[in-house]
């Protein structure tokens, strides 16, 4: 294995570990976690730093592994649905960022596109899972879960992720 592959493997493990540990900052209180979205941050950063494919892997694995190890989020339906949402975040953050010019605006554009895409996927998977269980997933539930309740986390992501990505870019840790 060459140096680059080893570095990517270590960074993948690092972002996965951050995704497992950051929810402890919310004291593992689900209502606080669903507002501050601590798992989203390392997944989005992983997409920016490592690219879309590894961002997708980090995003898909993190909520499922966290559920298995720590019991939160609950495996089904929450971790299952989140795995698709976070996989989308990681994929889109990495893919869109690689396609754009890598300036400040491209960081924000990539982040916003990833955040919207992830929320759309969260809604679609939630609609599908609720439909299979015979319950209704309404537009009101989507709006509350994807936007209203998540607003503090959305703001937090928009404030800190570009700062971190741009600092890593200046330090030449991101291509």
C-alpha atoms as a PDB file:
ATOM      1  CA  UNK A   1       0.000   0.000   0.000  1.00  0.00           C
ATOM      2  CA  UNK A   2       1.445   3.384  -0.927  1.00  0.00           C
ATOM      3  CA  UNK A   3       1.594   6.500   1.240  1.00  0.00           C
ATOM      4  CA  UNK A   4      -1.478   8.069  -0.384  1.00  0.00           C
ATOM      5  CA  UNK A   5      -3.640   4.978   0.129  1.00  0.00           C
ATOM      6  CA  UNK A   6      -2.482   4.686   3.742  1.00  0.00           C
ATOM      7  CA  UNK A   7      -3.278   8.358   4.360  1.00  0.00           C
ATOM      8  CA  UNK A   8      -6.771   7.941   2.866  1.00  0.00           C
ATOM      9  CA  UNK A   9      -7.412   4.857   5.003  1.00  0.00           C
ATOM     10  CA  UNK A  10      -6.288   6.628   8.183  1.00  0.00           C
ATOM     11  CA  UNK A  11      -8.380   9.715   7.377  1.00  0.00           C
ATOM     12  CA  UNK A  12     -11.419   7.544   6.625  1.00  0.00           C
ATOM     13  CA  UNK A  13     -11.031   5.902  10.044  1.00  0.00           C
ATOM     14  CA  UNK A  14     -10.532   9.327  11.645  1.00  0.00           C
ATOM     15  CA  UNK A  15     -13.750  10.777  10.208  1.00  0.00           C
ATOM     16  CA  UNK A  16     -15.659   7.605  11.086  1.00  0.00           C
ATOM     17  CA  UNK A  17     -14.348   7.777  14.670  1.00  0.00           C
ATOM     18  CA  UNK A  18     -15.331  11.440  14.905  1.00  0.00           C
ATOM     19  CA  UNK A  19     -18.805  10.516  13.688  1.00  0.00           C
ATOM     20  CA  UNK A  20     -19.053   7.889  16.408  1.00  0.00           C
ATOM     21  CA  UNK A  21     -17.784  10.162  19.167  1.00  0.00           C
ATOM     22  CA  UNK A  22     -19.190  13.632  18.406  1.00  0.00           C
ATOM     23  CA  UNK A  23     -22.749  12.751  19.528  1.00  0.00           C
ATOM     24  CA  UNK A  24     -21.327  12.431  23.043  1.00  0.00           C
ATOM     25  CA  UNK A  25     -21.020  16.234  22.940  1.00  0.00           C
ATOM     26  CA  UNK A  26     -24.826  16.318  22.988  1.00  0.00           C
ATOM     27  CA  UNK A  27     -24.794  13.950  25.972  1.00  0.00           C
ATOM     28  CA  UNK A  28     -26.442  11.327  23.750  1.00  0.00           C
ATOM     29  CA  UNK A  29     -29.777  13.073  24.201  1.00  0.00           C
ATOM     30  CA  UNK A  30     -31.653  12.324  20.959  1.00  0.00           C
ATOM     31  CA  UNK A  31     -33.629  15.588  20.961  1.00  0.00           C
ATOM     32  CA  UNK A  32     -30.392  17.592  21.279  1.00  0.00           C
ATOM     33  CA  UNK A  33     -28.615  15.440  18.680  1.00  0.00           C
ATOM     34  CA  UNK A  34     -31.429  15.883  16.168  1.00  0.00           C
ATOM     35  CA  UNK A  35     -31.065  19.645  16.553  1.00  0.00           C
ATOM     36  CA  UNK A  36     -27.244  19.965  16.489  1.00  0.00           C
ATOM     37  CA  UNK A  37     -26.558  17.086  14.053  1.00  0.00           C
ATOM     38  CA  UNK A  38     -23.116  16.131  15.399  1.00  0.00           C
ATOM     39  CA  UNK A  39     -22.696  13.082  13.132  1.00  0.00           C
ATOM     40  CA  UNK A  40     -23.184  15.189  10.020  1.00  0.00           C
ATOM     41  CA  UNK A  41     -20.076  17.326  10.538  1.00  0.00           C
ATOM     42  CA  UNK A  42     -17.395  14.614  10.192  1.00  0.00           C
ATOM     43  CA  UNK A  43     -19.289  13.022   7.293  1.00  0.00           C
ATOM     44  CA  UNK A  44     -19.411  16.304   5.383  1.00  0.00           C
ATOM     45  CA  UNK A  45     -15.748  16.984   6.176  1.00  0.00           C
ATOM     46  CA  UNK A  46     -14.876  13.466   5.056  1.00  0.00           C
ATOM     47  CA  UNK A  47     -16.552  14.135   1.724  1.00  0.00           C
ATOM     48  CA  UNK A  48     -14.638  17.380   1.256  1.00  0.00           C
ATOM     49  CA  UNK A  49     -11.273  15.918   2.269  1.00  0.00           C
ATOM     50  CA  UNK A  50     -11.483  12.414   0.794  1.00  0.00           C
ATOM     51  CA  UNK A  51     -13.938  12.852  -2.074  1.00  0.00           C
ATOM     52  CA  UNK A  52     -17.414  11.577  -2.781  1.00  0.00           C
ATOM     53  CA  UNK A  53     -16.927   7.794  -2.773  1.00  0.00           C
ATOM     54  CA  UNK A  54     -15.254   7.687   0.644  1.00  0.00           C
ATOM     55  CA  UNK A  55     -17.621  10.364   1.944  1.00  0.00           C
ATOM     56  CA  UNK A  56     -20.476   8.064   0.938  1.00  0.00           C
ATOM     57  CA  UNK A  57     -18.906   5.122   2.808  1.00  0.00           C
ATOM     58  CA  UNK A  58     -18.269   7.181   5.947  1.00  0.00           C
ATOM     59  CA  UNK A  59     -21.816   8.535   5.845  1.00  0.00           C
ATOM     60  CA  UNK A  60     -23.444   5.167   5.296  1.00  0.00           C
ATOM     61  CA  UNK A  61     -21.468   3.306   7.966  1.00  0.00           C
ATOM     62  CA  UNK A  62     -21.389   5.893  10.763  1.00  0.00           C
ATOM     63  CA  UNK A  63     -25.022   5.841  11.998  1.00  0.00           C
ATOM     64  CA  UNK A  64     -25.322   2.064  11.617  1.00  0.00           C
ATOM     65  CA  UNK A  65     -22.067   1.358  13.455  1.00  0.00           C
ATOM     66  CA  UNK A  66     -22.904   3.928  16.120  1.00  0.00           C
ATOM     67  CA  UNK A  67     -26.255   2.252  16.661  1.00  0.00           C
ATOM     68  CA  UNK A  68     -24.609  -1.159  17.015  1.00  0.00           C
ATOM     69  CA  UNK A  69     -21.885   0.039  19.396  1.00  0.00           C
ATOM     70  CA  UNK A  70     -23.704   2.635  21.517  1.00  0.00           C
ATOM     71  CA  UNK A  71     -27.402   1.875  20.964  1.00  0.00           C
ATOM     72  CA  UNK A  72     -28.106   5.343  19.572  1.00  0.00           C
ATOM     73  CA  UNK A  73     -29.543   6.243  17.207  1.00  0.00           C
ATOM     74  CA  UNK A  74     -32.027   3.361  17.307  1.00  0.00           C
ATOM     75  CA  UNK A  75     -31.172   0.885  14.531  1.00  0.00           C
ATOM     76  CA  UNK A  76     -34.555   0.960  12.837  1.00  0.00           C
ATOM     77  CA  UNK A  77     -35.854   3.183  11.506  1.00  0.00           C
ATOM     78  CA  UNK A  78     -33.569   6.036  12.627  1.00  0.00           C
ATOM     79  CA  UNK A  79     -30.033   4.728  11.915  1.00  0.00           C
ATOM     80  CA  UNK A  80     -31.245   2.998   8.767  1.00  0.00           C
ATOM     81  CA  UNK A  81     -32.737   6.219   7.385  1.00  0.00           C
ATOM     82  CA  UNK A  82     -29.776   8.318   8.554  1.00  0.00           C
ATOM     83  CA  UNK A  83     -27.349   6.012   6.759  1.00  0.00           C
ATOM     84  CA  UNK A  84     -28.850   7.009   3.403  1.00  0.00           C
ATOM     85  CA  UNK A  85     -29.032  10.675   4.383  1.00  0.00           C
ATOM     86  CA  UNK A  86     -25.422  10.858   5.594  1.00  0.00           C
ATOM     87  CA  UNK A  87     -24.154   8.816   2.642  1.00  0.00           C
ATOM     88  CA  UNK A  88     -25.710  11.454   0.391  1.00  0.00           C
ATOM     89  CA  UNK A  89     -24.046  14.253   2.376  1.00  0.00           C
ATOM     90  CA  UNK A  90     -20.618  12.681   2.055  1.00  0.00           C
ATOM     91  CA  UNK A  91     -21.052  11.810  -1.622  1.00  0.00           C
ATOM     92  CA  UNK A  92     -22.385  15.186  -2.728  1.00  0.00           C
ATOM     93  CA  UNK A  93     -19.954  17.248  -0.640  1.00  0.00           C
ATOM     94  CA  UNK A  94     -17.040  15.438  -2.247  1.00  0.00           C
ATOM     95  CA  UNK A  95     -18.332  15.196  -5.815  1.00  0.00           C
ATOM     96  CA  UNK A  96     -19.631  18.757  -6.098  1.00  0.00           C
ATOM     97  CA  UNK A  97     -16.529  20.237  -4.449  1.00  0.00           C
ATOM     98  CA  UNK A  98     -14.267  18.358  -6.902  1.00  0.00           C
ATOM     99  CA  UNK A  99     -16.296  19.718  -9.842  1.00  0.00           C
ATOM    100  CA  UNK A 100     -16.107  23.371  -8.775  1.00  0.00           C
ATOM    101  CA  UNK A 101     -13.257  25.877  -8.673  1.00  0.00           C
ATOM    102  CA  UNK A 102     -12.281  25.287  -5.025  1.00  0.00           C
ATOM    103  CA  UNK A 103     -12.772  28.887  -3.933  1.00  0.00           C
ATOM    104  CA  UNK A 104     -14.814  30.100  -0.948  1.00  0.00           C
ATOM    105  CA  UNK A 105     -18.018  30.162  -2.972  1.00  0.00           C
ATOM    106  CA  UNK A 106     -17.500  26.573  -4.144  1.00  0.00           C
ATOM    107  CA  UNK A 107     -17.152  25.389  -0.540  1.00  0.00           C
ATOM    108  CA  UNK A 108     -20.477  26.983   0.371  1.00  0.00           C
ATOM    109  CA  UNK A 109     -22.154  25.791  -2.840  1.00  0.00           C
ATOM    110  CA  UNK A 110     -20.938  22.216  -2.287  1.00  0.00           C
ATOM    111  CA  UNK A 111     -22.054  22.290   1.334  1.00  0.00           C
ATOM    112  CA  UNK A 112     -25.522  23.681   0.565  1.00  0.00           C
ATOM    113  CA  UNK A 113     -26.069  21.209  -2.294  1.00  0.00           C
ATOM    114  CA  UNK A 114     -24.989  18.320  -0.056  1.00  0.00           C
ATOM    115  CA  UNK A 115     -27.234  19.499   2.778  1.00  0.00           C
ATOM    116  CA  UNK A 116     -30.263  19.858   0.517  1.00  0.00           C
ATOM    117  CA  UNK A 117     -29.583  16.546  -1.229  1.00  0.00           C
ATOM    118  CA  UNK A 118     -29.186  14.716   2.081  1.00  0.00           C
ATOM    119  CA  UNK A 119     -32.429  16.125   3.418  1.00  0.00           C
ATOM    120  CA  UNK A 120     -34.286  15.165   0.257  1.00  0.00           C
ATOM    121  CA  UNK A 121     -32.931  11.611   0.539  1.00  0.00           C
ATOM    122  CA  UNK A 122     -33.840  11.552   4.249  1.00  0.00           C
ATOM    123  CA  UNK A 123     -37.397  12.538   3.319  1.00  0.00           C
ATOM    124  CA  UNK A 124     -37.657   9.994   0.500  1.00  0.00           C
ATOM    125  CA  UNK A 125     -36.332   7.119   2.614  1.00  0.00           C
ATOM    126  CA  UNK A 126     -38.508   8.185   5.547  1.00  0.00           C
ATOM    127  CA  UNK A 127     -41.550   8.255   3.257  1.00  0.00           C
ATOM    128  CA  UNK A 128     -40.695   4.759   1.968  1.00  0.00           C
ATOM    129  CA  UNK A 129     -39.992   3.264   5.424  1.00  0.00           C
ATOM    130  CA  UNK A 130     -43.105   4.789   6.967  1.00  0.00           C
ATOM    131  CA  UNK A 131     -45.150   3.536   4.023  1.00  0.00           C
ATOM    132  CA  UNK A 132     -43.857  -0.005   4.549  1.00  0.00           C
ATOM    133  CA  UNK A 133     -44.810   0.148   8.214  1.00  0.00           C
ATOM    134  CA  UNK A 134     -48.281   1.456   7.395  1.00  0.00           C
ATOM    135  CA  UNK A 135     -47.740   4.907   8.866  1.00  0.00           C
ATOM    136  CA  UNK A 136     -47.886   8.274   7.154  1.00  0.00           C
ATOM    137  CA  UNK A 137     -44.874  10.505   6.598  1.00  0.00           C
ATOM    138  CA  UNK A 138     -46.377  13.913   5.926  1.00  0.00           C
ATOM    139  CA  UNK A 139     -44.986  17.099   4.436  1.00  0.00           C
ATOM    140  CA  UNK A 140     -45.277  18.606   7.928  1.00  0.00           C
ATOM    141  CA  UNK A 141     -43.103  15.816   9.364  1.00  0.00           C
ATOM    142  CA  UNK A 142     -40.552  16.371   6.601  1.00  0.00           C
ATOM    143  CA  UNK A 143     -40.425  20.128   7.196  1.00  0.00           C
ATOM    144  CA  UNK A 144     -40.123  19.697  10.960  1.00  0.00           C
ATOM    145  CA  UNK A 145     -37.399  17.032  10.757  1.00  0.00           C
ATOM    146  CA  UNK A 146     -35.397  18.359   7.828  1.00  0.00           C
ATOM    147  CA  UNK A 147     -35.545  22.077   8.524  1.00  0.00           C
ATOM    148  CA  UNK A 148     -37.263  23.405  11.648  1.00  0.00           C
ATOM    149  CA  UNK A 149     -35.826  21.029  14.276  1.00  0.00           C
ATOM    150  CA  UNK A 150     -32.463  20.844  12.472  1.00  0.00           C
ATOM    151  CA  UNK A 151     -31.995  24.613  12.099  1.00  0.00           C
ATOM    152  CA  UNK A 152     -29.356  24.942  14.869  1.00  0.00           C
ATOM    153  CA  UNK A 153     -27.309  22.147  13.278  1.00  0.00           C
ATOM    154  CA  UNK A 154     -27.749  23.613   9.799  1.00  0.00           C
ATOM    155  CA  UNK A 155     -26.442  26.967  11.032  1.00  0.00           C
ATOM    156  CA  UNK A 156     -23.567  25.267  12.863  1.00  0.00           C
ATOM    157  CA  UNK A 157     -22.574  23.392   9.688  1.00  0.00           C
ATOM    158  CA  UNK A 158     -22.737  26.526   7.532  1.00  0.00           C
ATOM    159  CA  UNK A 159     -20.540  28.384  10.036  1.00  0.00           C
ATOM    160  CA  UNK A 160     -17.837  25.822  10.898  1.00  0.00           C
ATOM    161  CA  UNK A 161     -17.462  23.482   7.924  1.00  0.00           C
ATOM    162  CA  UNK A 162     -16.322  26.131   5.408  1.00  0.00           C
ATOM    163  CA  UNK A 163     -13.826  27.493   7.960  1.00  0.00           C
ATOM    164  CA  UNK A 164     -12.346  24.021   8.470  1.00  0.00           C
ATOM    165  CA  UNK A 165     -12.323  23.168   4.754  1.00  0.00           C
ATOM    166  CA  UNK A 166     -10.672  26.459   3.817  1.00  0.00           C
ATOM    167  CA  UNK A 167      -8.070  26.060   6.597  1.00  0.00           C
ATOM    168  CA  UNK A 168      -7.294  22.531   5.390  1.00  0.00           C
ATOM    169  CA  UNK A 169      -7.061  23.825   1.827  1.00  0.00           C
ATOM    170  CA  UNK A 170      -4.620  26.569   2.850  1.00  0.00           C
ATOM    171  CA  UNK A 171      -2.553  23.971   4.694  1.00  0.00           C
ATOM    172  CA  UNK A 172      -2.643  21.866   1.485  1.00  0.00           C
ATOM    173  CA  UNK A 173      -4.420  18.924   3.114  1.00  0.00           C
ATOM    174  CA  UNK A 174      -7.188  19.070   0.484  1.00  0.00           C
ATOM    175  CA  UNK A 175      -6.616  18.995  -3.251  1.00  0.00           C
END
